[in-house]
Amino acid sequence: EYAFSMTPIDGLEVGASYYDPDDSATAQQEEGGAYYATYAIGGLSFGYGKSYQAASIDPGAGNTTEYHDNTMMSLAFNVNDSLSVSYEDIESLQAATTSSSDATMDVQSIQASYTVAGMTLSISNEDYDNHDYTVGNKMKETNFAMSIAF
């Protein structure tokens, strides 16, 4: 496994990784990698990432997942020291050994967090298309959390 990250200019971080484990599969050996970039200026930050993972496949495995190809983008804004909001978009392709079984799952998420004294209140709302890589399967999820520091 190999990974690196660097900060070429103030506020910008880039990185990449690659892994190739010992694998006894003969049709396709597992491997994967990713790269990302984040940039922050003042209270605003952007992020972009891409990852790929090829599955371990033996001959005669039938229709199975061949690889995942993921793209992630995010935007966050610290309104002030107490309030932050963010948005994230994820697209994940699950490619099967037969292209008729390919499915792309999309997730859009918006979050907000408010801190006062030792208490943080946060809320997130996620909207899934093709949840669990099942075409037509939609899901919405809202999470509320509260943490208190003593």
Protein backbone atom coordinates (compact mmCIF):
# COMPACT_ATOMS: atom_id res chain seq x y z
CA GLU A 1 0.00 0.00 0.00
CA TYR A 2 1.25 3.46 -0.89
CA ALA A 3 -0.09 6.87 0.11
CA PHE A 4 1.06 10.46 0.02
CA SER A 5 -0.33 13.88 0.79
CA MET A 6 1.10 17.34 0.44
CA THR A 7 0.21 20.99 0.88
CA PRO A 8 1.72 22.80 -2.13
CA ILE A 9 0.15 26.15 -1.20
CA ASP A 10 -1.56 27.48 1.89
CA GLY A 11 -5.09 26.07 2.13
CA LEU A 12 -4.66 23.39 -0.55
CA GLU A 13 -4.07 19.72 0.29
CA VAL A 14 -3.77 16.97 -2.30
CA GLY A 15 -3.17 13.29 -1.85
CA ALA A 16 -3.40 9.87 -3.40
CA SER A 17 -3.21 6.24 -2.40
CA TYR A 18 -2.94 2.82 -4.03
CA TYR A 19 -3.19 -0.69 -2.66
CA ASP A 20 -2.61 -4.11 -4.20
CA PRO A 21 -2.94 -6.89 -1.60
CA ASP A 22 -1.68 -10.43 -2.16
CA ASP A 23 -4.64 -12.12 -3.77
CA SER A 24 -5.07 -15.68 -4.96
CA ALA A 25 -7.93 -14.88 -7.37
CA THR A 26 -7.14 -15.85 -10.94
CA ALA A 27 -9.78 -14.01 -13.02
CA GLN A 28 -9.19 -10.59 -11.40
CA GLN A 29 -7.05 -9.67 -8.43
CA GLU A 30 -8.17 -7.03 -5.96
CA GLU A 31 -6.63 -3.56 -6.15
CA GLY A 32 -7.71 0.00 -5.61
CA GLY A 33 -6.74 3.58 -5.20
CA ALA A 34 -7.93 7.09 -4.59
CA TYR A 35 -6.98 10.72 -5.00
CA TYR A 36 -8.34 13.90 -3.45
CA ALA A 37 -7.95 17.64 -3.22
CA THR A 38 -9.25 20.02 -0.57
CA TYR A 39 -9.02 23.78 -0.51
CA ALA A 40 -9.93 26.11 2.35
CA ILE A 41 -10.02 29.86 2.28
CA GLY A 42 -11.45 31.72 5.24
CA GLY A 43 -14.61 29.97 6.40
CA LEU A 44 -15.18 28.25 3.05
CA SER A 45 -13.79 24.85 2.06
CA PHE A 46 -14.14 22.64 -1.01
CA GLY A 47 -13.33 18.99 -1.46
CA TYR A 48 -13.16 16.57 -4.38
CA GLY A 49 -12.19 12.92 -4.35
CA LYS A 50 -12.20 9.91 -6.61
CA SER A 51 -11.70 6.27 -5.63
CA TYR A 52 -11.65 2.97 -7.46
CA GLN A 53 -11.76 -0.57 -6.12
CA ALA A 54 -11.52 -3.70 -8.27
CA ALA A 55 -12.93 -6.79 -6.60
CA SER A 56 -11.24 -10.15 -6.27
CA ILE A 57 -12.87 -12.53 -8.78
CA ASP A 58 -12.30 -16.22 -9.44
CA PRO A 59 -13.32 -17.92 -12.70
CA GLY A 60 -16.90 -19.17 -12.73
CA ALA A 61 -18.02 -16.64 -10.11
CA GLY A 62 -21.07 -15.74 -12.20
CA ASN A 63 -22.49 -12.23 -12.23
CA THR A 64 -20.69 -10.47 -9.41
CA THR A 65 -19.34 -7.00 -8.65
CA GLU A 66 -16.34 -6.27 -10.84
CA TYR A 67 -15.44 -2.84 -9.47
CA HIS A 68 -16.64 0.31 -7.69
CA ASP A 69 -15.94 3.77 -9.10
CA ASN A 70 -16.72 6.58 -6.62
CA THR A 71 -16.77 10.36 -6.96
CA MET A 72 -17.22 12.66 -3.96
CA MET A 73 -17.61 16.44 -3.81
CA SER A 74 -18.22 18.66 -0.80
CA LEU A 75 -18.64 22.29 0.15
CA ALA A 76 -18.59 23.62 3.71
CA PHE A 77 -19.02 27.07 5.19
CA ASN A 78 -18.33 28.17 8.75
CA VAL A 79 -20.83 30.99 9.15
CA ASN A 80 -19.24 31.96 12.47
CA ASP A 81 -17.54 30.22 15.40
CA SER A 82 -20.85 28.58 16.39
CA LEU A 83 -22.59 27.68 13.11
CA SER A 84 -21.43 25.63 10.14
CA VAL A 85 -23.27 24.23 7.13
CA SER A 86 -22.11 21.79 4.49
CA TYR A 87 -23.25 19.96 1.36
CA GLU A 88 -21.94 16.69 -0.04
CA ASP A 89 -22.63 14.79 -3.26
CA ILE A 90 -21.51 11.20 -3.77
CA GLU A 91 -21.86 9.10 -6.91
CA SER A 92 -20.89 5.45 -6.70
CA LEU A 93 -20.96 3.09 -9.68
CA GLN A 94 -21.10 -0.62 -8.90
CA ALA A 95 -20.10 -2.36 -12.11
CA ALA A 96 -20.96 -6.02 -12.48
CA THR A 97 -19.27 -8.61 -14.66
CA THR A 98 -22.29 -8.23 -16.97
CA SER A 99 -23.00 -4.59 -17.84
CA SER A 100 -26.78 -5.16 -17.61
CA SER A 101 -26.40 -5.35 -13.80
CA ASP A 102 -24.51 -2.06 -13.36
CA ALA A 103 -26.05 0.43 -10.93
CA THR A 104 -25.10 3.92 -9.81
CA MET A 105 -26.03 5.07 -6.31
CA ASP A 106 -26.31 8.83 -5.78
CA VAL A 107 -26.33 10.48 -2.37
CA GLN A 108 -26.88 14.15 -1.64
CA SER A 109 -26.45 15.32 1.93
CA ILE A 110 -26.81 18.62 3.70
CA GLN A 111 -25.63 19.15 7.28
CA ALA A 112 -25.68 21.91 9.87
CA SER A 113 -24.03 22.17 13.26
CA TYR A 114 -24.50 24.74 16.03
CA THR A 115 -22.34 24.97 19.15
CA VAL A 116 -23.21 26.95 22.27
CA ALA A 117 -21.15 26.66 25.43
CA GLY A 118 -20.40 22.92 25.81
CA MET A 119 -23.33 21.70 23.70
CA THR A 120 -23.35 20.91 19.99
CA LEU A 121 -26.56 20.38 18.04
CA SER A 122 -26.31 18.91 14.56
CA ILE A 123 -28.70 17.80 11.86
CA SER A 124 -28.17 16.06 8.54
CA ASN A 125 -30.49 15.13 5.71
CA GLU A 126 -29.51 12.53 3.11
CA ASP A 127 -31.33 11.70 -0.11
CA TYR A 128 -30.40 8.39 -1.79
CA ASP A 129 -31.17 7.32 -5.35
CA ASN A 130 -30.64 3.63 -6.15
CA HIS A 131 -29.91 2.88 -2.49
CA ASP A 132 -27.86 -0.30 -2.00
CA TYR A 133 -27.23 -0.25 -5.77
CA THR A 134 -30.83 -1.30 -6.41
CA VAL A 135 -32.27 0.64 -9.36
CA GLY A 136 -35.38 2.59 -8.33
CA ASN A 137 -34.74 2.18 -4.59
CA LYS A 138 -35.01 5.64 -3.01
CA MET A 139 -34.39 6.53 0.61
CA LYS A 140 -34.40 9.70 2.69
CA GLU A 141 -32.76 9.90 6.08
CA THR A 142 -32.65 12.68 8.65
CA ASN A 143 -30.37 12.51 11.68
CA PHE A 144 -30.38 14.79 14.69
CA ALA A 145 -27.61 14.64 17.28
CA MET A 146 -26.74 16.46 20.46
CA SER A 147 -23.49 16.21 22.36
CA ILE A 148 -22.69 17.80 25.68
CA ALA A 149 -19.20 18.26 27.08
CA PHE A 150 -18.80 18.37 30.84
